Amino acid sequence: MTAPIAMIFKAFRPALAGMAAALVMLPVLSVSAQARGPEKIADVAESVIDAVVNISTSQRVEAQVRPGGPRQPERPERRGEEQSPQVPPGSPFEEFFKDFFENRRGGPGGPGGQGENRAPRRTSSLGSGFVIDPNGLVVTNNHVIADAEEINVIFNDGSRLKAEVLGRDPKTDLALLQVKPEKPLKAVKFGDSDKLRLGEWVIAIGNPFSLGGSVSAGIVSARNRDIQSGPYDNYIQTDAAINRGNSGGPLFNLEGEVIGINTAIISPSGGSIGIGFAVPSKVAMTVIDQLREFKEVRRGWLGVRIQQVTDDIAESLGLKQARGALIAGVDEKGPAKPAGIEAGDIIIRFDGRDIKEMRDLPRIVADTPVGKDVEVIVLRKGKEEKKTVKLGRLEDAEKARPASVQSDAKPDDKTVVQKALGLDLANISPELRKRYKIKDSVKGVVITGIDQNSAAAEKRLSAGDTIVEVAQEAIGTTDDFQKRIEKLKKDGRKLALLLVANPEGELRFVTLSLQ
């Protein structure tokens, strides 16, 4: 018996006595087998566990001098990295975990401790993965192997093989590894995550806190979760126990098929609280196939900037319900421009698939083959129109757009000729373009001031923004603006839909109340 195991029994001796007394009462309780989960879980776990692997990575970390203190290494924080769980003070677990994790890291005086004048060292992190091809293809999370200088895949029988990265995709947090086995490996196959139902049983297997081969079970708590981690969020939420080290491991259905890849958890302590997230297999399969073929992901590109169709925007456009993705701007060099798609259009269908909300569009476009002629249905001024777009390719190396330039300059009262809806407005002039650094391509009416107690302030409008359209009609002067507002009021409209450009020319739609 190892020292840590012996310590557990020693620490638990008083607790075990109490537990023994409690166990005597168990036969009195009536607990159905179904309450413990389907018996099939054991069969599934036994059939797939040899395909689930531990991923061990290491990298060199330089020591650094912190002002006012001893030299310490800079320790990267990664979701795949081990951290000691938080337990209540005085708990029998406290002494065990403290000893266990300090011994692994070298103790307070060793790596990660407070020793002075330490040389650069190697740090390691642990995660999970699974074999999808007997010839040695392994799937894991990108964040598990990010920045790694050396990657080892550890199998259920204790053997290990060095791995190389075939490809990675940070946007979906997936990576594909290659190992070279002497004999075919046990592999698992993907299932169809689109067929998952809420409440369906699922099984997570992985390497939490270095405890390899750990099996946990739970249900599908939700689908299509957006946790704001990337542009293509579409996670499966599960209450199956997922902890640090489970990242990259598989989520199985009761047929032994991988229907998700465990990626993230919500937890204040670092341990499972029953809210875990997995990348759906439908998303993963497309990415993995491309990494396998091209060693990169080639995504479709439409060339538009979009925003959510809110209830206010839907009402201002006379729509019965909020749906689709609102086009706030069109890239001059993108595929949407020659297809005739314009700012103000609402895409409600793309390549035969309904766009129920804004975030559906980026995922569907990304999954569509580059170069395909795609039918797009848009709503334009209340009427459906059909467009055909030849899809381009989204380049990951595409330069980020420059940030909007904000100006603290106060408006010159002599240039302000109109005040409406809590906005001070002025016709564009060379002086205003220079003051707010507005691009020459931007046309409309400049906002020179905002009433901080108005709805306009809540909509994050600011001095230097330019109102380009009112109710989907272009305006050139403050008189045009006033006439459009008066007509909307006369027509009984409660909201005004404004198309607003920042100084760089980036567009977005904003609604303001007319009451």
Protein backbone atom coordinates (compact mmCIF):
# COMPACT_ATOMS: atom_id res chain seq x y z
CA MET A 1 0.00 0.00 0.00
CA THR A 2 1.46 3.35 -0.99
CA ALA A 3 1.94 6.09 1.58
CA PRO A 4 -0.85 8.33 0.27
CA ILE A 5 -3.34 5.42 0.29
CA ALA A 6 -2.36 4.45 3.82
CA MET A 7 -2.79 8.06 4.87
CA ILE A 8 -6.34 8.09 3.48
CA PHE A 9 -7.36 5.11 5.62
CA LYS A 10 -5.69 6.63 8.65
CA ALA A 11 -7.41 9.96 8.13
CA PHE A 12 -10.75 8.30 7.50
CA ARG A 13 -10.67 5.87 10.42
CA PRO A 14 -13.06 7.93 12.61
CA ALA A 15 -15.28 8.71 9.64
CA LEU A 16 -15.39 5.07 8.51
CA ALA A 17 -16.75 4.00 11.88
CA GLY A 18 -19.67 6.36 11.45
CA MET A 19 -20.15 5.20 7.89
CA ALA A 20 -20.30 1.56 9.00
CA ALA A 21 -23.15 2.40 11.34
CA ALA A 22 -24.96 4.19 8.58
CA LEU A 23 -24.52 1.27 6.21
CA VAL A 24 -26.46 -1.03 8.51
CA MET A 25 -29.58 0.97 7.72
CA LEU A 26 -29.24 0.76 3.92
CA PRO A 27 -31.30 -2.42 3.45
CA VAL A 28 -34.26 -0.62 4.99
CA LEU A 29 -34.25 1.98 2.19
CA SER A 30 -36.00 1.22 -1.09
CA VAL A 31 -33.78 2.41 -3.96
CA SER A 32 -34.63 1.35 -7.49
CA ALA A 33 -31.90 0.26 -9.89
CA GLN A 34 -32.99 2.96 -12.32
CA ALA A 35 -32.24 5.65 -9.69
CA ARG A 36 -28.62 4.54 -9.86
CA GLY A 37 -28.63 4.80 -13.64
CA PRO A 38 -29.02 2.20 -16.40
CA GLU A 39 -27.14 -1.05 -15.85
CA LYS A 40 -25.88 -0.69 -19.42
CA ILE A 41 -23.38 1.94 -18.21
CA ALA A 42 -21.02 -0.78 -16.97
CA ASP A 43 -21.12 -2.62 -20.31
CA VAL A 44 -20.43 0.58 -22.25
CA ALA A 45 -17.56 1.59 -19.97
CA GLU A 46 -15.97 -1.83 -20.25
CA SER A 47 -16.20 -1.84 -24.04
CA VAL A 48 -14.71 1.64 -24.66
CA ILE A 49 -12.32 2.36 -21.81
CA ASP A 50 -9.26 1.05 -23.66
CA ALA A 51 -9.82 3.70 -26.34
CA VAL A 52 -9.75 6.54 -23.80
CA VAL A 53 -6.28 7.93 -23.12
CA ASN A 54 -4.49 10.35 -20.85
CA ILE A 55 -2.64 13.24 -22.49
CA SER A 56 0.53 14.36 -20.74
CA THR A 57 2.30 17.50 -21.94
CA SER A 58 5.34 19.40 -20.80
CA GLN A 59 6.91 22.74 -21.58
CA ARG A 60 9.84 24.85 -20.41
CA VAL A 61 8.94 27.80 -18.19
CA GLU A 62 11.43 30.57 -17.54
CA ALA A 63 11.90 31.88 -14.03
CA GLN A 64 11.09 35.54 -13.47
CA VAL A 65 11.80 38.14 -10.84
CA ARG A 66 8.75 39.62 -9.21
CA PRO A 67 9.15 43.09 -7.74
CA GLY A 68 9.51 43.00 -3.99
CA GLY A 69 9.73 39.22 -3.78
CA PRO A 70 11.82 36.12 -4.57
CA ARG A 71 12.28 34.78 -8.06
CA GLN A 72 9.37 32.57 -9.09
CA PRO A 73 8.50 30.67 -12.24
CA GLU A 74 5.60 31.94 -14.28
CA ARG A 75 3.08 29.14 -14.10
CA PRO A 76 0.58 29.06 -17.01
CA GLU A 77 -3.08 28.69 -16.09
CA ARG A 78 -4.71 26.15 -18.36
CA ARG A 79 -7.98 24.27 -18.05
CA GLY A 80 -6.17 21.00 -18.64
CA GLU A 81 -3.71 21.62 -15.82
CA GLU A 82 -3.90 19.97 -12.43
CA GLN A 83 -4.89 22.08 -9.45
CA SER A 84 -5.60 21.03 -5.91
CA PRO A 85 -9.35 20.97 -5.23
CA GLN A 86 -10.71 23.17 -2.47
CA VAL A 87 -12.09 21.25 0.51
CA PRO A 88 -13.53 22.43 3.83
CA PRO A 89 -10.90 23.24 6.50
CA GLY A 90 -10.46 20.32 8.88
CA SER A 91 -11.91 17.85 6.38
CA PRO A 92 -10.19 14.43 6.19
CA PHE A 93 -9.49 15.25 2.53
CA GLU A 94 -7.55 18.41 3.36
CA GLU A 95 -4.38 16.65 4.56
CA PHE A 96 -4.54 14.09 1.74
CA PHE A 97 -4.88 16.55 -1.14
CA LYS A 98 -2.30 18.93 0.33
CA ASP A 99 0.26 16.13 0.58
CA PHE A 100 -0.69 14.58 -2.76
CA PHE A 101 -0.40 17.73 -4.85
CA GLU A 102 2.68 19.15 -3.09
CA ASN A 103 4.53 15.86 -3.54
CA ARG A 104 3.69 15.86 -7.26
CA ARG A 105 4.86 19.43 -7.69
CA GLY A 106 7.96 19.12 -5.59
CA GLY A 107 6.69 20.66 -2.35
CA PRO A 108 6.90 24.26 -1.18
CA GLY A 109 10.63 24.38 -1.65
CA GLY A 110 10.63 22.61 -5.01
CA PRO A 111 9.09 23.49 -8.35
CA GLY A 112 6.22 25.85 -7.84
CA GLY A 113 7.45 26.73 -4.33
CA GLN A 114 9.14 29.78 -2.88
CA GLY A 115 12.79 28.82 -3.35
CA GLU A 116 15.10 31.60 -4.54
CA ASN A 117 17.40 31.73 -7.58
CA ARG A 118 15.77 28.75 -9.25
CA ALA A 119 16.67 27.84 -12.81
CA PRO A 120 14.11 27.57 -15.60
CA ARG A 121 12.10 24.39 -15.21
CA ARG A 122 9.67 22.18 -17.10
CA THR A 123 6.03 22.15 -16.10
CA SER A 124 3.53 19.49 -17.02
CA SER A 125 -0.22 19.36 -17.47
CA LEU A 126 -2.64 16.51 -17.89
CA GLY A 127 -5.77 16.05 -19.92
CA SER A 128 -7.74 13.38 -21.72
CA GLY A 129 -8.36 12.15 -25.24
CA PHE A 130 -9.63 9.19 -27.24
CA VAL A 131 -8.56 7.06 -30.20
CA ILE A 132 -10.67 7.35 -33.38
CA ASP A 133 -8.47 5.27 -35.69
CA PRO A 134 -6.65 1.99 -34.87
CA ASN A 135 -3.63 3.35 -36.74
CA GLY A 136 -3.07 5.99 -34.07
CA LEU A 137 -5.29 9.08 -34.49
CA VAL A 138 -6.20 10.68 -31.16
CA VAL A 139 -8.64 13.53 -30.51
CA THR A 140 -8.29 15.98 -27.61
CA ASN A 141 -8.84 19.65 -26.77
CA ASN A 142 -6.58 22.29 -28.25
CA HIS A 143 -6.09 23.92 -24.85
CA VAL A 144 -4.76 20.63 -23.46
CA ILE A 145 -1.79 20.61 -25.86
CA ALA A 146 -1.43 24.37 -26.40
CA ASP A 147 2.21 25.56 -26.07
CA ALA A 148 3.36 21.99 -25.36
CA GLU A 149 6.91 21.09 -26.34
CA GLU A 150 6.39 17.38 -25.72
CA ILE A 151 3.16 15.35 -25.83
CA ASN A 152 2.73 11.79 -24.57
CA VAL A 153 -0.37 9.64 -24.91
CA ILE A 154 -0.84 7.21 -22.00
CA PHE A 155 -3.08 4.20 -22.57
CA ASN A 156 -5.25 2.27 -20.14
CA ASP A 157 -2.66 -0.51 -19.82
CA GLY A 158 -0.01 2.01 -18.73
CA SER A 159 1.92 2.09 -22.01
CA ARG A 160 2.78 5.46 -23.53
CA LEU A 161 3.61 6.80 -26.96
CA LYS A 162 4.95 10.15 -28.09
CA ALA A 163 2.51 12.13 -30.18
CA GLU A 164 2.75 14.82 -32.81
CA VAL A 165 0.09 17.40 -33.61
CA LEU A 166 -1.53 16.81 -37.00
CA GLY A 167 -3.72 19.90 -36.73
CA ARG A 168 -5.59 22.11 -34.29
CA ASP A 169 -8.56 24.43 -34.31
CA PRO A 170 -8.64 27.02 -31.51
CA LYS A 171 -12.11 28.23 -32.51
CA THR A 172 -13.72 24.93 -31.53
CA ASP A 173 -10.91 24.00 -29.11
CA LEU A 174 -10.13 20.71 -30.87
CA ALA A 175 -6.86 19.05 -31.82
CA LEU A 176 -5.88 15.90 -33.69
CA LEU A 177 -2.78 13.93 -32.63
CA GLN A 178 -0.87 11.10 -34.30
CA VAL A 179 0.91 8.28 -32.49
CA LYS A 180 2.72 5.32 -34.08
CA PRO A 181 1.60 2.10 -32.38
CA GLU A 182 3.23 -1.28 -32.93
CA LYS A 183 -0.20 -2.92 -33.23
CA PRO A 184 -3.71 -1.62 -33.98
CA LEU A 185 -5.30 0.35 -31.16
CA LYS A 186 -8.77 0.09 -29.72
CA ALA A 187 -10.81 2.89 -31.35
CA VAL A 188 -14.27 4.37 -30.87
CA LYS A 189 -16.61 5.98 -33.37
CA PHE A 190 -18.67 9.16 -33.37
CA GLY A 191 -22.44 9.12 -32.95
CA ASP A 192 -25.03 11.69 -34.01
CA SER A 193 -25.31 14.43 -31.39
CA ASP A 194 -28.33 15.88 -33.20
CA LYS A 195 -30.34 12.88 -32.01
CA LEU A 196 -29.64 13.56 -28.33
CA ARG A 197 -32.66 14.22 -26.16
CA LEU A 198 -32.84 16.18 -22.93
CA GLY A 199 -32.58 13.79 -20.00
CA GLU A 200 -30.77 11.11 -22.01
CA TRP A 201 -28.07 9.24 -20.10
CA VAL A 202 -24.44 9.93 -21.04
CA ILE A 203 -21.08 8.67 -19.78
CA ALA A 204 -17.87 10.69 -19.34
CA ILE A 205 -14.51 8.91 -19.16
CA GLY A 206 -11.23 10.69 -18.59
CA ASN A 207 -8.31 11.63 -16.40
CA PRO A 208 -9.58 13.97 -13.63
CA PHE A 209 -6.86 15.06 -11.20
CA SER A 210 -4.53 12.40 -12.72
CA LEU A 211 -6.96 9.63 -11.75
CA GLY A 212 -6.95 8.00 -15.18
CA GLY A 213 -9.75 5.78 -16.43
CA SER A 214 -12.40 7.49 -14.30
CA VAL A 215 -16.00 6.87 -15.33
CA SER A 216 -18.90 9.16 -14.42
CA ALA A 217 -22.48 9.21 -15.62
CA GLY A 218 -25.24 11.76 -15.87
CA ILE A 219 -27.82 13.13 -18.25
CA VAL A 220 -27.99 15.68 -21.04
CA SER A 221 -29.05 18.82 -19.18
CA ALA A 222 -29.32 21.11 -22.22
CA ARG A 223 -28.30 21.45 -25.85
CA ASN A 224 -27.08 24.32 -28.02
CA ARG A 225 -25.51 26.17 -25.10
CA ASP A 226 -23.63 29.41 -25.82
CA ILE A 227 -20.97 29.99 -23.13
CA GLN A 228 -19.29 32.88 -24.94
CA SER A 229 -16.06 30.96 -25.56
CA GLY A 230 -15.94 31.38 -29.33
CA PRO A 231 -17.85 32.20 -32.51
CA TYR A 232 -19.25 28.69 -32.96
CA ASP A 233 -20.51 27.85 -29.46
CA ASN A 234 -23.06 25.04 -29.55
CA TYR A 235 -22.29 22.98 -26.46
CA ILE A 236 -23.98 19.98 -24.89
CA GLN A 237 -24.51 20.62 -21.18
CA THR A 238 -24.33 17.62 -18.85
CA ASP A 239 -24.40 16.95 -15.13
CA ALA A 240 -22.00 14.00 -15.46
CA ALA A 241 -19.01 14.74 -13.22
CA ILE A 242 -16.35 16.53 -15.28
CA ASN A 243 -13.28 17.92 -13.50
CA ARG A 244 -9.86 19.33 -14.32
CA GLY A 245 -8.09 16.75 -16.41
CA ASN A 246 -11.29 15.56 -18.12
CA SER A 247 -10.72 18.11 -20.89
CA GLY A 248 -10.52 16.41 -24.28
CA GLY A 249 -12.14 13.22 -23.06
CA PRO A 250 -15.19 11.61 -24.69
CA LEU A 251 -18.84 11.84 -23.71
CA PHE A 252 -20.57 8.60 -24.71
CA ASN A 253 -24.18 7.65 -25.29
CA LEU A 254 -25.46 4.26 -24.15
CA GLU A 255 -24.54 2.78 -27.54
CA GLY A 256 -20.86 3.42 -26.84
CA GLU A 257 -20.67 6.20 -29.43
CA VAL A 258 -18.87 9.51 -28.83
CA ILE A 259 -21.51 12.23 -28.94
CA GLY A 260 -19.41 14.99 -27.34
CA ILE A 261 -15.91 16.06 -26.34
CA ASN A 262 -15.67 17.35 -22.76
CA THR A 263 -14.24 20.85 -22.87
CA ALA A 264 -15.29 23.19 -20.06
CA ILE A 265 -16.99 23.41 -16.68
CA ILE A 266 -18.56 26.12 -14.58
CA SER A 267 -17.17 25.89 -11.08
CA PRO A 268 -16.13 28.33 -8.35
CA SER A 269 -13.77 25.75 -6.83
CA GLY A 270 -12.28 23.99 -9.85
CA GLY A 271 -14.26 20.82 -9.14
CA SER A 272 -17.49 19.53 -10.63
CA ILE A 273 -20.73 21.14 -9.53
CA GLY A 274 -22.75 19.37 -12.18
CA ILE A 275 -22.41 21.91 -15.00
CA GLY A 276 -20.11 20.65 -17.71
CA PHE A 277 -19.95 21.32 -21.45
CA ALA A 278 -18.99 19.14 -24.40
CA VAL A 279 -18.43 19.98 -28.08
CA PRO A 280 -21.16 18.08 -30.01
CA SER A 281 -19.96 15.27 -32.25
CA LYS A 282 -21.74 16.88 -35.24
CA VAL A 283 -19.43 19.89 -34.88
CA ALA A 284 -16.36 17.85 -34.01
CA MET A 285 -16.65 15.43 -36.95
CA THR A 286 -16.50 18.23 -39.52
CA VAL A 287 -13.45 19.78 -37.85
CA ILE A 288 -11.64 16.46 -37.31
CA ASP A 289 -12.22 15.36 -40.92
CA GLN A 290 -10.64 18.59 -42.18
CA LEU A 291 -7.72 18.36 -39.76
CA ARG A 292 -7.21 14.80 -40.95
CA GLU A 293 -7.27 15.76 -44.64
CA PHE A 294 -5.78 19.26 -44.72
CA LYS A 295 -4.14 19.63 -41.27
CA GLU A 296 -6.21 22.82 -40.95
CA VAL A 297 -9.87 23.87 -40.97
CA ARG A 298 -11.25 25.51 -44.11
CA ARG A 299 -14.40 27.44 -43.30
CA GLY A 300 -16.91 29.19 -45.48
CA TRP A 301 -17.01 33.00 -45.55
CA LEU A 302 -19.98 35.20 -46.38
CA GLY A 303 -18.41 38.61 -45.79
CA VAL A 304 -21.04 40.29 -43.61
CA ARG A 305 -21.29 41.78 -40.13
CA ILE A 306 -24.40 40.68 -38.31
CA GLN A 307 -26.34 41.45 -35.16
CA GLN A 308 -29.26 39.99 -33.26
CA VAL A 309 -32.81 40.78 -34.36
CA THR A 310 -34.21 42.03 -31.06
CA ASP A 311 -37.89 42.45 -30.28
CA ASP A 312 -37.47 46.21 -30.69
CA ILE A 313 -35.84 45.83 -34.11
CA ALA A 314 -38.50 43.34 -35.19
CA GLU A 315 -41.25 45.76 -34.12
CA SER A 316 -39.60 48.69 -35.91
CA LEU A 317 -39.47 46.63 -39.13
CA GLY A 318 -43.06 45.45 -38.80
CA LEU A 319 -42.11 41.80 -38.26
CA LYS A 320 -44.42 39.48 -36.33
CA GLN A 321 -41.52 37.84 -34.50
CA ALA A 322 -37.81 38.32 -33.97
CA ARG A 323 -35.88 35.85 -36.13
CA GLY A 324 -32.90 35.59 -38.44
CA ALA A 325 -29.59 37.46 -38.57
CA LEU A 326 -29.63 41.20 -39.30
CA ILE A 327 -26.96 42.39 -41.74
CA ALA A 328 -25.27 45.41 -40.17
CA GLY A 329 -22.57 45.73 -42.81
CA VAL A 330 -21.25 44.12 -45.98
CA ASP A 331 -17.55 43.60 -46.73
CA GLU A 332 -16.67 45.34 -50.00
CA LYS A 333 -14.45 42.40 -51.01
CA GLY A 334 -16.67 39.64 -49.64
CA PRO A 335 -18.95 37.16 -51.46
CA ALA A 336 -22.16 38.80 -50.18
CA LYS A 337 -21.52 42.08 -52.02
CA PRO A 338 -21.77 40.80 -55.64
CA ALA A 339 -24.73 38.62 -54.62
CA GLY A 340 -26.72 41.74 -53.82
CA ILE A 341 -26.99 41.32 -50.05
CA GLU A 342 -27.26 44.71 -48.34
CA ALA A 343 -27.12 46.21 -44.86
CA GLY A 344 -30.59 46.00 -43.36
CA ASP A 345 -31.38 42.61 -44.92
CA ILE A 346 -32.35 39.84 -42.52
CA ILE A 347 -31.09 36.39 -43.47
CA ILE A 348 -33.77 33.88 -42.52
CA ARG A 349 -32.58 30.85 -44.51
CA PHE A 350 -29.13 29.74 -45.67
CA ASP A 351 -28.40 26.72 -47.85
CA GLY A 352 -31.78 25.18 -47.01
CA ARG A 353 -31.41 25.64 -43.23
CA ASP A 354 -33.52 28.04 -41.19
CA ILE A 355 -31.70 30.83 -39.33
CA LYS A 356 -33.71 31.13 -36.13
CA GLU A 357 -31.32 33.53 -34.42
CA MET A 358 -28.13 35.43 -35.17
CA ARG A 359 -25.65 32.87 -33.82
CA ASP A 360 -27.01 30.14 -36.09
CA LEU A 361 -25.60 31.87 -39.18
CA PRO A 362 -21.83 31.81 -38.39
CA ARG A 363 -21.95 28.08 -37.57
CA ILE A 364 -23.88 27.16 -40.71
CA VAL A 365 -21.72 29.35 -42.97
CA ALA A 366 -18.53 27.92 -41.45
CA ASP A 367 -19.69 24.34 -42.07
CA THR A 368 -20.60 25.03 -45.72
CA PRO A 369 -17.97 24.00 -48.32
CA VAL A 370 -15.84 26.80 -49.70
CA GLY A 371 -16.78 27.69 -53.30
CA LYS A 372 -20.32 26.32 -53.08
CA ASP A 373 -23.15 28.29 -54.70
CA VAL A 374 -25.57 28.81 -51.82
CA GLU A 375 -29.18 29.94 -51.89
CA VAL A 376 -29.85 32.65 -49.30
CA ILE A 377 -33.32 33.92 -48.39
CA VAL A 378 -33.43 37.45 -46.99
CA LEU A 379 -36.16 39.72 -45.69
CA ARG A 380 -35.89 43.17 -47.25
CA LYS A 381 -38.46 45.78 -46.19
CA GLY A 382 -40.86 43.05 -45.19
CA LYS A 383 -40.59 40.96 -48.38
CA GLU A 384 -38.63 37.75 -48.98
CA GLU A 385 -35.96 37.83 -51.68
CA LYS A 386 -33.76 35.01 -52.96
CA LYS A 387 -30.01 35.52 -53.47
CA THR A 388 -27.27 33.19 -54.66
CA VAL A 389 -23.84 33.49 -53.06
CA LYS A 390 -20.63 31.76 -54.12
CA LEU A 391 -19.10 31.15 -50.71
CA GLY A 392 -15.54 32.31 -50.05
CA ARG A 393 -13.00 31.00 -47.54
CA LEU A 394 -12.49 32.42 -44.08
CA GLU A 395 -8.80 32.95 -43.55
CA ASP A 396 -7.70 32.65 -39.95
CA ALA A 397 -4.83 35.00 -40.75
CA GLU A 398 -7.26 37.73 -41.80
CA LYS A 399 -6.24 40.96 -40.16
CA ALA A 400 -8.40 42.17 -37.34
CA ARG A 401 -10.30 45.35 -38.01
CA PRO A 402 -8.88 48.46 -36.29
CA ALA A 403 -10.60 49.51 -33.11
CA SER A 404 -13.02 52.39 -33.23
CA VAL A 405 -11.47 55.74 -32.45
CA GLN A 406 -13.19 57.59 -29.63
CA SER A 407 -12.77 61.31 -29.11
CA ASP A 408 -13.04 63.23 -25.87
CA ALA A 409 -13.43 66.52 -27.72
CA LYS A 410 -16.48 68.48 -26.65
CA PRO A 411 -18.93 69.49 -29.40
CA ASP A 412 -18.75 73.02 -30.68
CA ASP A 413 -22.15 74.61 -29.99
CA LYS A 414 -21.93 76.52 -33.30
CA THR A 415 -22.04 73.25 -35.29
CA VAL A 416 -25.06 71.83 -33.49
CA VAL A 417 -28.20 72.55 -35.51
CA GLN A 418 -30.63 69.87 -34.24
CA LYS A 419 -31.55 68.07 -31.03
CA ALA A 420 -33.85 65.04 -31.13
CA LEU A 421 -34.31 61.78 -29.17
CA GLY A 422 -31.65 62.86 -26.70
CA LEU A 423 -29.11 63.42 -29.50
CA ASP A 424 -27.24 66.55 -30.59
CA LEU A 425 -26.88 66.22 -34.36
CA ALA A 426 -24.93 68.10 -37.02
CA ASN A 427 -24.36 67.85 -40.75
CA ILE A 428 -21.02 66.30 -41.63
CA SER A 429 -18.31 68.88 -42.32
CA PRO A 430 -14.53 68.69 -42.85
CA GLU A 431 -14.08 70.05 -39.32
CA LEU A 432 -16.21 67.30 -37.78
CA ARG A 433 -14.49 64.60 -39.83
CA LYS A 434 -11.14 65.81 -38.51
CA ARG A 435 -12.37 66.16 -34.92
CA TYR A 436 -13.89 62.67 -34.71
CA LYS A 437 -11.54 61.03 -37.25
CA ILE A 438 -14.48 59.94 -39.41
CA LYS A 439 -13.55 58.14 -42.62
CA ASP A 440 -14.40 59.85 -45.90
CA SER A 441 -16.59 56.90 -46.92
CA VAL A 442 -19.01 57.50 -44.02
CA LYS A 443 -22.08 59.56 -45.01
CA GLY A 444 -24.95 60.79 -42.86
CA VAL A 445 -25.58 62.93 -39.77
CA VAL A 446 -22.98 63.18 -37.00
CA ILE A 447 -23.85 62.73 -33.32
CA THR A 448 -22.04 65.52 -31.46
CA GLY A 449 -23.58 65.08 -28.04
CA ILE A 450 -25.85 62.77 -26.02
CA ASP A 451 -28.22 63.39 -23.13
CA GLN A 452 -26.93 61.00 -20.49
CA ASN A 453 -30.45 60.52 -19.14
CA SER A 454 -31.85 59.48 -22.53
CA ALA A 455 -32.38 56.07 -24.09
CA ALA A 456 -29.63 56.90 -26.60
CA ALA A 457 -27.02 56.74 -23.84
CA GLU A 458 -28.23 53.27 -22.87
CA LYS A 459 -27.79 52.13 -26.47
CA ARG A 460 -24.03 52.93 -26.27
CA LEU A 461 -24.21 55.68 -28.86
CA SER A 462 -21.39 58.19 -28.56
CA ALA A 463 -20.17 61.47 -30.01
CA GLY A 464 -18.53 60.79 -33.36
CA ASP A 465 -21.01 58.10 -34.41
CA THR A 466 -22.85 58.84 -37.65
CA ILE A 467 -26.51 58.05 -38.35
CA VAL A 468 -26.56 56.64 -41.87
CA GLU A 469 -30.18 55.53 -42.22
CA VAL A 470 -33.52 56.03 -40.47
CA ALA A 471 -36.09 53.26 -40.99
CA GLN A 472 -33.90 51.78 -43.75
CA GLU A 473 -33.79 55.02 -45.75
CA ALA A 474 -30.54 56.93 -46.23
CA ILE A 475 -30.26 60.44 -44.79
CA GLY A 476 -27.80 63.17 -45.67
CA THR A 477 -28.79 66.09 -43.45
CA THR A 478 -30.36 66.83 -40.10
CA ASP A 479 -33.47 67.96 -41.99
CA ASP A 480 -33.72 64.50 -43.57
CA PHE A 481 -33.42 63.00 -40.09
CA GLN A 482 -36.18 65.19 -38.67
CA LYS A 483 -38.54 64.46 -41.58
CA ARG A 484 -38.07 60.71 -41.20
CA ILE A 485 -38.75 60.88 -37.46
CA GLU A 486 -41.88 62.96 -37.96
CA LYS A 487 -43.18 60.52 -40.60
CA LEU A 488 -42.62 57.55 -38.30
CA LYS A 489 -44.57 59.30 -35.55
CA LYS A 490 -47.37 60.17 -37.98
CA ASP A 491 -47.53 56.50 -39.08
CA GLY A 492 -48.00 55.47 -35.46
CA ARG A 493 -44.57 53.84 -35.08
CA LYS A 494 -43.30 53.52 -31.52
CA LEU A 495 -39.66 52.86 -32.43
CA ALA A 496 -37.15 54.30 -34.89
CA LEU A 497 -34.61 51.95 -36.44
CA LEU A 498 -31.27 53.71 -36.98
CA LEU A 499 -28.28 52.42 -38.92
CA VAL A 500 -25.23 53.84 -37.15
CA ALA A 501 -21.59 53.91 -38.28
CA ASN A 502 -18.63 54.38 -35.98
CA PRO A 503 -15.73 56.59 -37.18
CA GLU A 504 -14.11 53.57 -38.87
CA GLY A 505 -17.30 52.90 -40.85
CA GLU A 506 -18.43 49.76 -39.02
CA LEU A 507 -22.22 49.59 -38.97
CA ARG A 508 -24.83 48.43 -36.47
CA PHE A 509 -28.56 48.86 -36.00
CA VAL A 510 -30.02 50.67 -32.98
CA THR A 511 -33.65 51.26 -32.03
CA LEU A 512 -34.80 54.39 -30.17
CA SER A 513 -38.24 54.99 -28.68
CA LEU A 514 -40.32 57.75 -30.28
CA GLN A 515 -42.53 58.13 -27.24
